[in-house]
N, C-alpha and C. Protein backbone atom coordinates (compact mmCIF):
# COMPACT_ATOMS: atom_id res chain seq x y z
N MET A 1 86.95 92.34 70.51
CA MET A 1 85.96 92.49 71.55
C MET A 1 85.02 91.30 71.52
N ALA A 2 84.42 91.06 72.61
CA ALA A 2 83.51 89.92 72.70
C ALA A 2 82.22 90.23 71.96
N ASP A 3 81.72 89.20 71.30
CA ASP A 3 80.46 89.33 70.58
C ASP A 3 79.33 88.97 71.55
N HIS A 4 78.58 89.95 71.97
CA HIS A 4 77.54 89.72 72.97
C HIS A 4 76.32 89.00 72.40
N LYS A 5 76.21 88.91 71.09
CA LYS A 5 75.06 88.24 70.50
C LYS A 5 75.20 86.72 70.59
N THR A 6 76.44 86.20 70.57
CA THR A 6 76.62 84.75 70.58
C THR A 6 76.77 84.20 71.99
N SER A 7 77.21 85.01 72.93
CA SER A 7 77.38 84.50 74.30
C SER A 7 76.32 85.12 75.19
N GLU A 8 75.46 84.27 75.69
CA GLU A 8 74.41 84.75 76.58
C GLU A 8 74.79 84.44 78.01
N HIS A 9 74.60 85.40 78.86
CA HIS A 9 74.94 85.26 80.27
C HIS A 9 73.73 85.67 81.09
N ALA A 10 73.30 84.78 81.97
CA ALA A 10 72.18 85.10 82.84
C ALA A 10 72.71 85.90 84.02
N HIS A 11 72.20 87.10 84.19
CA HIS A 11 72.64 87.98 85.26
C HIS A 11 72.42 87.31 86.61
N GLY A 12 73.48 87.30 87.46
CA GLY A 12 73.37 86.73 88.79
C GLY A 12 73.63 85.23 88.86
N SER A 13 74.11 84.62 87.79
CA SER A 13 74.31 83.18 87.79
C SER A 13 75.76 82.78 88.07
N MET A 14 76.66 83.74 88.22
CA MET A 14 78.06 83.44 88.45
C MET A 14 78.30 82.99 89.90
N ASP A 15 79.18 82.02 90.08
CA ASP A 15 79.54 81.55 91.42
C ASP A 15 80.54 82.53 92.02
N ILE A 16 80.15 83.21 93.08
CA ILE A 16 81.00 84.25 93.66
C ILE A 16 81.48 83.88 95.07
N ARG A 17 81.49 82.60 95.38
CA ARG A 17 81.93 82.18 96.72
C ARG A 17 83.37 82.58 97.00
N ALA A 18 84.24 82.46 96.00
CA ALA A 18 85.65 82.82 96.20
C ALA A 18 85.79 84.31 96.47
N GLN A 19 85.05 85.13 95.74
CA GLN A 19 85.10 86.58 95.96
C GLN A 19 84.56 86.94 97.34
N GLU A 20 83.48 86.30 97.75
CA GLU A 20 82.91 86.57 99.08
C GLU A 20 83.88 86.18 100.18
N LYS A 21 84.56 85.05 100.01
CA LYS A 21 85.54 84.59 101.00
C LYS A 21 86.72 85.57 101.07
N THR A 22 87.19 86.03 99.93
CA THR A 22 88.29 86.99 99.90
C THR A 22 87.88 88.30 100.56
N PHE A 23 86.69 88.78 100.27
CA PHE A 23 86.21 90.03 100.86
C PHE A 23 86.06 89.89 102.37
N ALA A 24 85.55 88.77 102.84
CA ALA A 24 85.42 88.55 104.28
C ALA A 24 86.79 88.55 104.95
N GLY A 25 87.78 87.95 104.31
CA GLY A 25 89.15 87.97 104.83
C GLY A 25 89.72 89.37 104.88
N PHE A 26 89.46 90.14 103.85
CA PHE A 26 89.92 91.52 103.80
C PHE A 26 89.31 92.34 104.93
N ILE A 27 88.02 92.18 105.16
CA ILE A 27 87.34 92.91 106.23
C ILE A 27 87.90 92.49 107.58
N ARG A 28 88.14 91.19 107.77
CA ARG A 28 88.68 90.69 109.04
C ARG A 28 90.06 91.29 109.31
N VAL A 29 90.94 91.31 108.31
CA VAL A 29 92.27 91.88 108.47
C VAL A 29 92.18 93.38 108.75
N THR A 30 91.28 94.07 108.07
CA THR A 30 91.13 95.51 108.28
C THR A 30 90.66 95.81 109.70
N VAL A 31 89.73 95.04 110.21
CA VAL A 31 89.24 95.25 111.58
C VAL A 31 90.36 95.00 112.58
N TRP A 32 91.08 93.90 112.43
CA TRP A 32 92.18 93.59 113.35
C TRP A 32 93.27 94.65 113.29
N ALA A 33 93.60 95.13 112.10
CA ALA A 33 94.62 96.17 111.97
C ALA A 33 94.16 97.45 112.65
N SER A 34 92.89 97.81 112.49
CA SER A 34 92.35 99.01 113.14
C SER A 34 92.40 98.89 114.65
N VAL A 35 92.04 97.74 115.17
CA VAL A 35 92.10 97.52 116.62
C VAL A 35 93.55 97.61 117.10
N ALA A 36 94.46 97.02 116.38
CA ALA A 36 95.87 97.07 116.76
C ALA A 36 96.39 98.50 116.77
N ILE A 37 96.02 99.29 115.79
CA ILE A 37 96.45 100.69 115.72
C ILE A 37 95.91 101.47 116.92
N VAL A 38 94.65 101.26 117.25
CA VAL A 38 94.07 101.96 118.40
C VAL A 38 94.78 101.55 119.69
N VAL A 39 95.05 100.27 119.86
CA VAL A 39 95.76 99.79 121.06
C VAL A 39 97.15 100.41 121.14
N ILE A 40 97.85 100.45 120.03
CA ILE A 40 99.19 101.06 120.00
C ILE A 40 99.11 102.54 120.36
N LEU A 41 98.15 103.26 119.81
CA LEU A 41 98.01 104.68 120.10
C LEU A 41 97.67 104.92 121.57
N VAL A 42 96.81 104.09 122.14
CA VAL A 42 96.48 104.23 123.56
C VAL A 42 97.72 103.95 124.41
N PHE A 43 98.47 102.92 124.06
CA PHE A 43 99.69 102.60 124.79
C PHE A 43 100.68 103.76 124.71
N MET A 44 100.84 104.32 123.52
CA MET A 44 101.76 105.46 123.35
C MET A 44 101.30 106.64 124.19
N GLY A 45 100.01 106.86 124.26
CA GLY A 45 99.47 107.95 125.07
C GLY A 45 99.70 107.74 126.56
N LEU A 46 99.64 106.47 126.98
CA LEU A 46 99.82 106.17 128.40
C LEU A 46 101.29 106.30 128.84
N VAL A 47 102.21 106.04 127.94
CA VAL A 47 103.62 106.14 128.30
C VAL A 47 104.24 107.46 127.86
N ASN A 48 103.38 108.39 127.47
CA ASN A 48 103.81 109.73 127.04
C ASN A 48 104.85 109.71 125.93
N ALA A 49 104.59 108.92 124.91
CA ALA A 49 105.51 108.84 123.79
C ALA A 49 105.43 110.05 122.91
C-alpha cells in the first residue's frame, strides 16, 4: 500500500483536462443517441410500426 506520510498531494492540484474532455464527449454522444431514439420512435409511430 502507498505510504501517505512520504507522498504529499495537494487536494485539487491534479490536471483533469483529459477527464473533462472525455466526460464532455460522453455527454455529447448520450444527447445525440437520445435524440436519435426519440426520432426513431416518432417515425415508427407515424408509420404505425
